Amino acid sequence: MATDYDAPRKTDDDAESIEALKERVPAKAQTATDDDADNPGSFDLSAADLSDVELETIVLPAQEDEFTCVSCFLVKHRLQFDHESKLGPICKECA
């Protein structure tokens, strides 16, 4: 059976007006006094007690084939070396 994908796909159930849909959705309180941009969902983050959590990170020293770019301060492989400035090595991305 061929389907016309350009034809409108509305049925009788879809004919509800926008006003009827708005009535079914409860109105949100518009009086938010604490509008926190970092926490837009207003989640209560104070309940998370992370004091007993220990994070373990293994830090390796720079390897023989690596350098630290003095512009972006990232450790890069020697293949990404572009040139040596008076302050130190510069990577290809920062050059």
PDB file of N, CA and C in Angstrom:
ATOM      1  N   MET A   1       0.837  -1.176   0.000  1.00  0.00           N
ATOM      2  CA  MET A   1       0.000   0.000   0.000  1.00  0.00           C
ATOM      3  C   MET A   1       0.884   1.242   0.000  1.00  0.00           C
ATOM      4  N   ALA A   2       0.644   2.145  -0.909  1.00  0.00           N
ATOM      5  CA  ALA A   2       1.430   3.363  -1.016  1.00  0.00           C
ATOM      6  C   ALA A   2       0.972   4.364   0.046  1.00  0.00           C
ATOM      7  N   THR A   3       1.942   5.084   0.595  1.00  0.00           N
ATOM      8  CA  THR A   3       1.640   6.080   1.621  1.00  0.00           C
ATOM      9  C   THR A   3       2.080   7.439   1.126  1.00  0.00           C
ATOM     10  N   ASP A   4       1.203   8.412   1.242  1.00  0.00           N
ATOM     11  CA  ASP A   4       1.522   9.776   0.870  1.00  0.00           C
ATOM     12  C   ASP A   4       2.062  10.478   2.123  1.00  0.00           C
ATOM     13  N   TYR A   5       3.363  10.647   2.189  1.00  0.00           N
ATOM     14  CA  TYR A   5       3.977  11.230   3.365  1.00  0.00           C
ATOM     15  C   TYR A   5       3.776  12.740   3.446  1.00  0.00           C
ATOM     16  N   ASP A   6       3.345  13.363   2.360  1.00  0.00           N
ATOM     17  CA  ASP A   6       3.100  14.802   2.364  1.00  0.00           C
ATOM     18  C   ASP A   6       1.693  15.150   2.813  1.00  0.00           C
ATOM     19  N   ALA A   7       0.824  14.165   2.874  1.00  0.00           N
ATOM     20  CA  ALA A   7      -0.565  14.419   3.263  1.00  0.00           C
ATOM     21  C   ALA A   7      -0.631  14.707   4.759  1.00  0.00           C
ATOM     22  N   PRO A   8      -1.563  15.554   5.181  1.00  0.00           N
ATOM     23  CA  PRO A   8      -1.715  15.820   6.620  1.00  0.00           C
ATOM     24  C   PRO A   8      -2.116  14.551   7.357  1.00  0.00           C
ATOM     25  N   ARG A   9      -1.600  14.393   8.562  1.00  0.00           N
ATOM     26  CA  ARG A   9      -1.827  13.162   9.316  1.00  0.00           C
ATOM     27  C   ARG A   9      -2.778  13.368  10.493  1.00  0.00           C
ATOM     28  N   LYS A  10      -3.607  14.354  10.418  1.00  0.00           N
ATOM     29  CA  LYS A  10      -4.530  14.623  11.509  1.00  0.00           C
ATOM     30  C   LYS A  10      -5.704  13.664  11.451  1.00  0.00           C
ATOM     31  N   THR A  11      -6.100  13.222  12.614  1.00  0.00           N
ATOM     32  CA  THR A  11      -7.303  12.402  12.735  1.00  0.00           C
ATOM     33  C   THR A  11      -8.313  13.190  13.553  1.00  0.00           C
ATOM     34  N   ASP A  12      -9.467  12.588  13.822  1.00  0.00           N
ATOM     35  CA  ASP A  12     -10.488  13.271  14.618  1.00  0.00           C
ATOM     36  C   ASP A  12     -10.012  13.511  16.039  1.00  0.00           C
ATOM     37  N   ASP A  13      -9.135  12.640  16.550  1.00  0.00           N
ATOM     38  CA  ASP A  13      -8.625  12.804  17.913  1.00  0.00           C
ATOM     39  C   ASP A  13      -7.659  13.984  18.008  1.00  0.00           C
ATOM     40  N   ASP A  14      -7.012  14.328  16.907  1.00  0.00           N
ATOM     41  CA  ASP A  14      -6.043  15.420  16.898  1.00  0.00           C
ATOM     42  C   ASP A  14      -6.694  16.783  16.733  1.00  0.00           C
ATOM     43  N   ALA A  15      -8.002  16.823  16.571  1.00  0.00           N
ATOM     44  CA  ALA A  15      -8.688  18.066  16.285  1.00  0.00           C
ATOM     45  C   ALA A  15      -8.943  18.905  17.534  1.00  0.00           C
ATOM     46  N   GLU A  16      -8.442  18.489  18.680  1.00  0.00           N
ATOM     47  CA  GLU A  16      -8.645  19.245  19.909  1.00  0.00           C
ATOM     48  C   GLU A  16      -8.011  20.618  19.808  1.00  0.00           C
ATOM     49  N   SER A  17      -8.650  21.595  20.380  1.00  0.00           N
ATOM     50  CA  SER A  17      -8.120  22.945  20.321  1.00  0.00           C
ATOM     51  C   SER A  17      -7.000  23.119  21.344  1.00  0.00           C
ATOM     52  N   ILE A  18      -6.206  24.158  21.151  1.00  0.00           N
ATOM     53  CA  ILE A  18      -5.105  24.440  22.061  1.00  0.00           C
ATOM     54  C   ILE A  18      -5.630  24.808  23.439  1.00  0.00           C
ATOM     55  N   GLU A  19      -6.826  25.421  23.504  1.00  0.00           N
ATOM     56  CA  GLU A  19      -7.420  25.774  24.789  1.00  0.00           C
ATOM     57  C   GLU A  19      -7.769  24.523  25.590  1.00  0.00           C
ATOM     58  N   ALA A  20      -8.250  23.493  24.902  1.00  0.00           N
ATOM     59  CA  ALA A  20      -8.596  22.255  25.591  1.00  0.00           C
ATOM     60  C   ALA A  20      -7.353  21.563  26.123  1.00  0.00           C
ATOM     61  N   LEU A  21      -6.264  21.660  25.374  1.00  0.00           N
ATOM     62  CA  LEU A  21      -5.024  21.070  25.840  1.00  0.00           C
ATOM     63  C   LEU A  21      -4.470  21.838  27.038  1.00  0.00           C
ATOM     64  N   LYS A  22      -4.587  23.161  27.031  1.00  0.00           N
ATOM     65  CA  LYS A  22      -4.105  23.981  28.143  1.00  0.00           C
ATOM     66  C   LYS A  22      -4.882  23.707  29.420  1.00  0.00           C
ATOM     67  N   GLU A  23      -6.175  23.380  29.288  1.00  0.00           N
ATOM     68  CA  GLU A  23      -6.985  23.092  30.468  1.00  0.00           C
ATOM     69  C   GLU A  23      -6.545  21.800  31.149  1.00  0.00           C
ATOM     70  N   ARG A  24      -6.067  20.835  30.367  1.00  0.00           N
ATOM     71  CA  ARG A  24      -5.636  19.559  30.940  1.00  0.00           C
ATOM     72  C   ARG A  24      -4.298  19.649  31.655  1.00  0.00           C
ATOM     73  N   VAL A  25      -3.446  20.598  31.255  1.00  0.00           N
ATOM     74  CA  VAL A  25      -2.127  20.744  31.853  1.00  0.00           C
ATOM     75  C   VAL A  25      -2.237  21.693  33.042  1.00  0.00           C
ATOM     76  N   PRO A  26      -1.771  21.276  34.228  1.00  0.00           N
ATOM     77  CA  PRO A  26      -1.847  22.183  35.370  1.00  0.00           C
ATOM     78  C   PRO A  26      -0.924  23.370  35.180  1.00  0.00           C
ATOM     79  N   ALA A  27      -1.363  24.517  35.625  1.00  0.00           N
ATOM     80  CA  ALA A  27      -0.579  25.744  35.485  1.00  0.00           C
ATOM     81  C   ALA A  27       0.579  25.715  36.463  1.00  0.00           C
ATOM     82  N   LYS A  28       1.765  26.122  35.995  1.00  0.00           N
ATOM     83  CA  LYS A  28       2.942  26.188  36.855  1.00  0.00           C
ATOM     84  C   LYS A  28       2.917  27.491  37.626  1.00  0.00           C
ATOM     85  N   ALA A  29       3.508  27.477  38.795  1.00  0.00           N
ATOM     86  CA  ALA A  29       3.590  28.695  39.590  1.00  0.00           C
ATOM     87  C   ALA A  29       4.587  29.639  38.936  1.00  0.00           C
ATOM     88  N   GLN A  30       4.145  30.819  38.610  1.00  0.00           N
ATOM     89  CA  GLN A  30       4.989  31.797  37.932  1.00  0.00           C
ATOM     90  C   GLN A  30       5.751  32.678  38.906  1.00  0.00           C
ATOM     91  N   THR A  31       5.632  32.435  40.208  1.00  0.00           N
ATOM     92  CA  THR A  31       6.263  33.282  41.216  1.00  0.00           C
ATOM     93  C   THR A  31       7.516  32.631  41.761  1.00  0.00           C
ATOM     94  N   ALA A  32       8.417  32.235  40.911  1.00  0.00           N
ATOM     95  CA  ALA A  32       9.675  31.643  41.356  1.00  0.00           C
ATOM     96  C   ALA A  32      10.612  32.765  41.774  1.00  0.00           C
ATOM     97  N   THR A  33      10.919  32.834  43.065  1.00  0.00           N
ATOM     98  CA  THR A  33      11.773  33.906  43.563  1.00  0.00           C
ATOM     99  C   THR A  33      13.238  33.537  43.492  1.00  0.00           C
ATOM    100  N   ASP A  34      13.547  32.259  43.564  1.00  0.00           N
ATOM    101  CA  ASP A  34      14.940  31.810  43.545  1.00  0.00           C
ATOM    102  C   ASP A  34      15.245  31.214  42.176  1.00  0.00           C
ATOM    103  N   ASP A  35      15.509  32.067  41.195  1.00  0.00           N
ATOM    104  CA  ASP A  35      15.801  31.615  39.841  1.00  0.00           C
ATOM    105  C   ASP A  35      17.303  31.411  39.728  1.00  0.00           C
ATOM    106  N   ASP A  36      17.749  30.176  39.938  1.00  0.00           N
ATOM    107  CA  ASP A  36      19.167  29.847  39.928  1.00  0.00           C
ATOM    108  C   ASP A  36      19.545  29.366  38.536  1.00  0.00           C
ATOM    109  N   ALA A  37      20.438  30.073  37.863  1.00  0.00           N
ATOM    110  CA  ALA A  37      20.830  29.718  36.502  1.00  0.00           C
ATOM    111  C   ALA A  37      21.623  28.414  36.466  1.00  0.00           C
ATOM    112  N   ASP A  38      22.351  28.105  37.527  1.00  0.00           N
ATOM    113  CA  ASP A  38      23.119  26.862  37.562  1.00  0.00           C
ATOM    114  C   ASP A  38      22.247  25.664  37.897  1.00  0.00           C
ATOM    115  N   ASN A  39      21.080  25.893  38.429  1.00  0.00           N
ATOM    116  CA  ASN A  39      20.187  24.821  38.832  1.00  0.00           C
ATOM    117  C   ASN A  39      18.791  25.130  38.299  1.00  0.00           C
ATOM    118  N   PRO A  40      18.590  25.045  36.967  1.00  0.00           N
ATOM    119  CA  PRO A  40      17.320  25.483  36.394  1.00  0.00           C
ATOM    120  C   PRO A  40      16.137  24.620  36.797  1.00  0.00           C
ATOM    121  N   GLY A  41      16.349  23.378  37.123  1.00  0.00           N
ATOM    122  CA  GLY A  41      15.260  22.505  37.521  1.00  0.00           C
ATOM    123  C   GLY A  41      14.912  22.637  38.977  1.00  0.00           C
ATOM    124  N   SER A  42      15.592  23.499  39.699  1.00  0.00           N
ATOM    125  CA  SER A  42      15.402  23.702  41.134  1.00  0.00           C
ATOM    126  C   SER A  42      15.510  22.391  41.911  1.00  0.00           C
ATOM    127  N   PHE A  43      16.485  21.595  41.579  1.00  0.00           N
ATOM    128  CA  PHE A  43      16.729  20.369  42.309  1.00  0.00           C
ATOM    129  C   PHE A  43      17.423  20.705  43.621  1.00  0.00           C
ATOM    130  N   ASP A  44      17.085  19.975  44.654  1.00  0.00           N
ATOM    131  CA  ASP A  44      17.713  20.184  45.948  1.00  0.00           C
ATOM    132  C   ASP A  44      18.999  19.362  45.979  1.00  0.00           C
ATOM    133  N   LEU A  45      20.121  20.027  45.789  1.00  0.00           N
ATOM    134  CA  LEU A  45      21.403  19.349  45.733  1.00  0.00           C
ATOM    135  C   LEU A  45      22.077  19.251  47.102  1.00  0.00           C
ATOM    136  N   SER A  46      21.499  19.881  48.108  1.00  0.00           N
ATOM    137  CA  SER A  46      22.131  19.874  49.423  1.00  0.00           C
ATOM    138  C   SER A  46      21.989  18.531  50.124  1.00  0.00           C
ATOM    139  N   ALA A  47      21.086  17.679  49.697  1.00  0.00           N
ATOM    140  CA  ALA A  47      20.864  16.398  50.366  1.00  0.00           C
ATOM    141  C   ALA A  47      21.919  15.362  49.999  1.00  0.00           C
ATOM    142  N   ALA A  48      22.689  15.615  48.957  1.00  0.00           N
ATOM    143  CA  ALA A  48      23.700  14.646  48.539  1.00  0.00           C
ATOM    144  C   ALA A  48      24.937  14.798  49.421  1.00  0.00           C
ATOM    145  N   ASP A  49      25.124  13.840  50.327  1.00  0.00           N
ATOM    146  CA  ASP A  49      26.277  13.873  51.227  1.00  0.00           C
ATOM    147  C   ASP A  49      27.396  13.062  50.592  1.00  0.00           C
ATOM    148  N   LEU A  50      28.394  13.748  50.084  1.00  0.00           N
ATOM    149  CA  LEU A  50      29.515  13.089  49.413  1.00  0.00           C
ATOM    150  C   LEU A  50      30.783  13.150  50.242  1.00  0.00           C
ATOM    151  N   SER A  51      30.656  13.387  51.536  1.00  0.00           N
ATOM    152  CA  SER A  51      31.835  13.535  52.380  1.00  0.00           C
ATOM    153  C   SER A  51      32.597  12.221  52.567  1.00  0.00           C
ATOM    154  N   ASP A  52      31.911  11.094  52.451  1.00  0.00           N
ATOM    155  CA  ASP A  52      32.586   9.812  52.647  1.00  0.00           C
ATOM    156  C   ASP A  52      33.075   9.199  51.341  1.00  0.00           C
ATOM    157  N   VAL A  53      32.891   9.878  50.215  1.00  0.00           N
ATOM    158  CA  VAL A  53      33.303   9.362  48.919  1.00  0.00           C
ATOM    159  C   VAL A  53      34.761   9.738  48.676  1.00  0.00           C
ATOM    160  N   GLU A  54      35.556   8.735  48.369  1.00  0.00           N
ATOM    161  CA  GLU A  54      36.959   8.975  48.066  1.00  0.00           C
ATOM    162  C   GLU A  54      37.199   8.749  46.581  1.00  0.00           C
ATOM    163  N   LEU A  55      37.717   9.745  45.925  1.00  0.00           N
ATOM    164  CA  LEU A  55      38.028   9.633  44.510  1.00  0.00           C
ATOM    165  C   LEU A  55      39.508   9.339  44.361  1.00  0.00           C
ATOM    166  N   GLU A  56      39.813   8.343  43.580  1.00  0.00           N
ATOM    167  CA  GLU A  56      41.207   7.978  43.363  1.00  0.00           C
ATOM    168  C   GLU A  56      41.575   8.307  41.927  1.00  0.00           C
ATOM    169  N   THR A  57      42.606   9.114  41.762  1.00  0.00           N
ATOM    170  CA  THR A  57      43.093   9.484  40.443  1.00  0.00           C
ATOM    171  C   THR A  57      44.581   9.208  40.384  1.00  0.00           C
ATOM    172  N   ILE A  58      44.983   8.485  39.388  1.00  0.00           N
ATOM    173  CA  ILE A  58      46.399   8.181  39.218  1.00  0.00           C
ATOM    174  C   ILE A  58      46.983   9.210  38.255  1.00  0.00           C
ATOM    175  N   VAL A  59      47.955   9.954  38.719  1.00  0.00           N
ATOM    176  CA  VAL A  59      48.591  10.987  37.901  1.00  0.00           C
ATOM    177  C   VAL A  59      49.952  10.470  37.458  1.00  0.00           C
ATOM    178  N   LEU A  60      50.133  10.413  36.155  1.00  0.00           N
ATOM    179  CA  LEU A  60      51.400   9.952  35.605  1.00  0.00           C
ATOM    180  C   LEU A  60      52.264  11.153  35.246  1.00  0.00           C
ATOM    181  N   PRO A  61      53.565  11.077  35.451  1.00  0.00           N
ATOM    182  CA  PRO A  61      54.425  12.176  35.017  1.00  0.00           C
ATOM    183  C   PRO A  61      54.495  12.211  33.491  1.00  0.00           C
ATOM    184  N   ALA A  62      54.911  13.344  32.948  1.00  0.00           N
ATOM    185  CA  ALA A  62      55.025  13.469  31.494  1.00  0.00           C
ATOM    186  C   ALA A  62      55.996  12.429  30.956  1.00  0.00           C
ATOM    187  N   GLN A  63      55.616  11.769  29.889  1.00  0.00           N
ATOM    188  CA  GLN A  63      56.429  10.725  29.285  1.00  0.00           C
ATOM    189  C   GLN A  63      57.500  11.364  28.394  1.00  0.00           C
ATOM    190  N   GLU A  64      58.428  10.538  27.912  1.00  0.00           N
ATOM    191  CA  GLU A  64      59.525  11.040  27.087  1.00  0.00           C
ATOM    192  C   GLU A  64      59.034  11.615  25.756  1.00  0.00           C
ATOM    193  N   ASP A  65      57.905  11.092  25.238  1.00  0.00           N
ATOM    194  CA  ASP A  65      57.405  11.554  23.951  1.00  0.00           C
ATOM    195  C   ASP A  65      56.273  12.570  24.107  1.00  0.00           C
ATOM    196  N   GLU A  66      56.186  13.252  25.253  1.00  0.00           N
ATOM    197  CA  GLU A  66      55.158  14.245  25.501  1.00  0.00           C
ATOM    198  C   GLU A  66      55.778  15.580  25.909  1.00  0.00           C
ATOM    199  N   PHE A  67      55.019  16.643  25.734  1.00  0.00           N
ATOM    200  CA  PHE A  67      55.439  17.966  26.178  1.00  0.00           C
ATOM    201  C   PHE A  67      54.200  18.716  26.650  1.00  0.00           C
ATOM    202  N   THR A  68      54.404  19.756  27.421  1.00  0.00           N
ATOM    203  CA  THR A  68      53.303  20.588  27.891  1.00  0.00           C
ATOM    204  C   THR A  68      53.343  21.910  27.141  1.00  0.00           C
ATOM    205  N   CYS A  69      52.249  22.209  26.437  1.00  0.00           N
ATOM    206  CA  CYS A  69      52.163  23.448  25.671  1.00  0.00           C
ATOM    207  C   CYS A  69      52.063  24.616  26.648  1.00  0.00           C
ATOM    208  N   VAL A  70      52.851  25.671  26.420  1.00  0.00           N
ATOM    209  CA  VAL A  70      52.831  26.817  27.316  1.00  0.00           C
ATOM    210  C   VAL A  70      51.663  27.755  27.012  1.00  0.00           C
ATOM    211  N   SER A  71      50.919  27.500  25.942  1.00  0.00           N
ATOM    212  CA  SER A  71      49.778  28.332  25.607  1.00  0.00           C
ATOM    213  C   SER A  71      48.481  27.757  26.178  1.00  0.00           C
ATOM    214  N   CYS A  72      48.220  26.475  25.943  1.00  0.00           N
ATOM    215  CA  CYS A  72      46.978  25.862  26.421  1.00  0.00           C
ATOM    216  C   CYS A  72      47.191  25.003  27.669  1.00  0.00           C
ATOM    217  N   PHE A  73      48.437  24.772  28.046  1.00  0.00           N
ATOM    218  CA  PHE A  73      48.808  24.005  29.239  1.00  0.00           C
ATOM    219  C   PHE A  73      48.319  22.562  29.210  1.00  0.00           C
ATOM    220  N   LEU A  74      48.152  22.010  28.013  1.00  0.00           N
ATOM    221  CA  LEU A  74      47.785  20.612  27.867  1.00  0.00           C
ATOM    222  C   LEU A  74      49.016  19.785  27.547  1.00  0.00           C
ATOM    223  N   VAL A  75      49.023  18.557  28.032  1.00  0.00           N
ATOM    224  CA  VAL A  75      50.117  17.643  27.709  1.00  0.00           C
ATOM    225  C   VAL A  75      49.806  17.037  26.349  1.00  0.00           C
ATOM    226  N   LYS A  76      50.716  17.227  25.408  1.00  0.00           N
ATOM    227  CA  LYS A  76      50.516  16.779  24.032  1.00  0.00           C
ATOM    228  C   LYS A  76      51.605  15.790  23.645  1.00  0.00           C
ATOM    229  N   HIS A  77      51.314  14.987  22.630  1.00  0.00           N
ATOM    230  CA  HIS A  77      52.303  14.067  22.072  1.00  0.00           C
ATOM    231  C   HIS A  77      53.291  14.874  21.228  1.00  0.00           C
ATOM    232  N   ARG A  78      54.494  14.372  21.093  1.00  0.00           N
ATOM    233  CA  ARG A  78      55.542  15.120  20.368  1.00  0.00           C
ATOM    234  C   ARG A  78      55.187  15.341  18.906  1.00  0.00           C
ATOM    235  N   LEU A  79      54.274  14.568  18.354  1.00  0.00           N
ATOM    236  CA  LEU A  79      53.843  14.772  16.975  1.00  0.00           C
ATOM    237  C   LEU A  79      53.010  16.040  16.834  1.00  0.00           C
ATOM    238  N   GLN A  80      52.494  16.568  17.933  1.00  0.00           N
ATOM    239  CA  GLN A  80      51.699  17.787  17.899  1.00  0.00           C
ATOM    240  C   GLN A  80      52.541  19.030  18.187  1.00  0.00           C
ATOM    241  N   PHE A  81      53.852  18.867  18.294  1.00  0.00           N
ATOM    242  CA  PHE A  81      54.759  19.984  18.545  1.00  0.00           C
ATOM    243  C   PHE A  81      54.870  20.841  17.291  1.00  0.00           C
ATOM    244  N   ASP A  82      54.743  22.167  17.442  1.00  0.00           N
ATOM    245  CA  ASP A  82      54.866  23.064  16.302  1.00  0.00           C
ATOM    246  C   ASP A  82      56.185  23.827  16.334  1.00  0.00           C
ATOM    247  N   HIS A  83      56.420  24.559  17.418  1.00  0.00           N
ATOM    248  CA  HIS A  83      57.673  25.299  17.519  1.00  0.00           C
ATOM    249  C   HIS A  83      57.971  25.615  18.988  1.00  0.00           C
ATOM    250  N   GLU A  84      59.180  26.041  19.212  1.00  0.00           N
ATOM    251  CA  GLU A  84      59.635  26.422  20.548  1.00  0.00           C
ATOM    252  C   GLU A  84      59.650  27.941  20.636  1.00  0.00           C
ATOM    253  N   SER A  85      58.900  28.497  21.578  1.00  0.00           N
ATOM    254  CA  SER A  85      58.926  29.941  21.779  1.00  0.00           C
ATOM    255  C   SER A  85      59.918  30.253  22.894  1.00  0.00           C
ATOM    256  N   LYS A  86      60.063  31.531  23.217  1.00  0.00           N
ATOM    257  CA  LYS A  86      60.994  31.887  24.288  1.00  0.00           C
ATOM    258  C   LYS A  86      60.476  31.429  25.645  1.00  0.00           C
ATOM    259  N   LEU A  87      59.152  31.135  25.738  1.00  0.00           N
ATOM    260  CA  LEU A  87      58.580  30.639  26.995  1.00  0.00           C
ATOM    261  C   LEU A  87      58.573  29.120  27.080  1.00  0.00           C
ATOM    262  N   GLY A  88      58.591  28.442  25.925  1.00  0.00           N
ATOM    263  CA  GLY A  88      58.573  26.990  25.914  1.00  0.00           C
ATOM    264  C   GLY A  88      57.892  26.466  24.666  1.00  0.00           C
ATOM    265  N   PRO A  89      57.560  25.162  24.657  1.00  0.00           N
ATOM    266  CA  PRO A  89      56.994  24.547  23.459  1.00  0.00           C
ATOM    267  C   PRO A  89      55.546  24.984  23.216  1.00  0.00           C
ATOM    268  N   ILE A  90      55.189  25.085  21.918  1.00  0.00           N
ATOM    269  CA  ILE A  90      53.844  25.447  21.484  1.00  0.00           C
ATOM    270  C   ILE A  90      53.320  24.317  20.604  1.00  0.00           C
ATOM    271  N   CYS A  91      52.070  23.918  20.840  1.00  0.00           N
ATOM    272  CA  CYS A  91      51.477  22.849  20.034  1.00  0.00           C
ATOM    273  C   CYS A  91      50.932  23.405  18.710  1.00  0.00           C
ATOM    274  N   LYS A  92      50.566  22.512  17.784  1.00  0.00           N
ATOM    275  CA  LYS A  92      50.066  22.918  16.472  1.00  0.00           C
ATOM    276  C   LYS A  92      48.728  23.629  16.567  1.00  0.00           C
ATOM    277  N   GLU A  93      47.896  23.269  17.537  1.00  0.00           N
ATOM    278  CA  GLU A  93      46.589  23.915  17.679  1.00  0.00           C
ATOM    279  C   GLU A  93      46.722  25.359  18.133  1.00  0.00           C
ATOM    280  N   CYS A  94      47.703  25.652  18.934  1.00  0.00           N
ATOM    281  CA  CYS A  94      47.874  27.012  19.458  1.00  0.00           C
ATOM    282  C   CYS A  94      48.725  27.887  18.545  1.00  0.00           C
ATOM    283  N   ALA A  95      49.457  27.278  17.631  1.00  0.00           N
ATOM    284  CA  ALA A  95      50.351  28.043  16.741  1.00  0.00           C
ATOM    285  C   ALA A  95      49.590  28.856  15.734  1.00  0.00           C
TER     286      ALA A  95
END
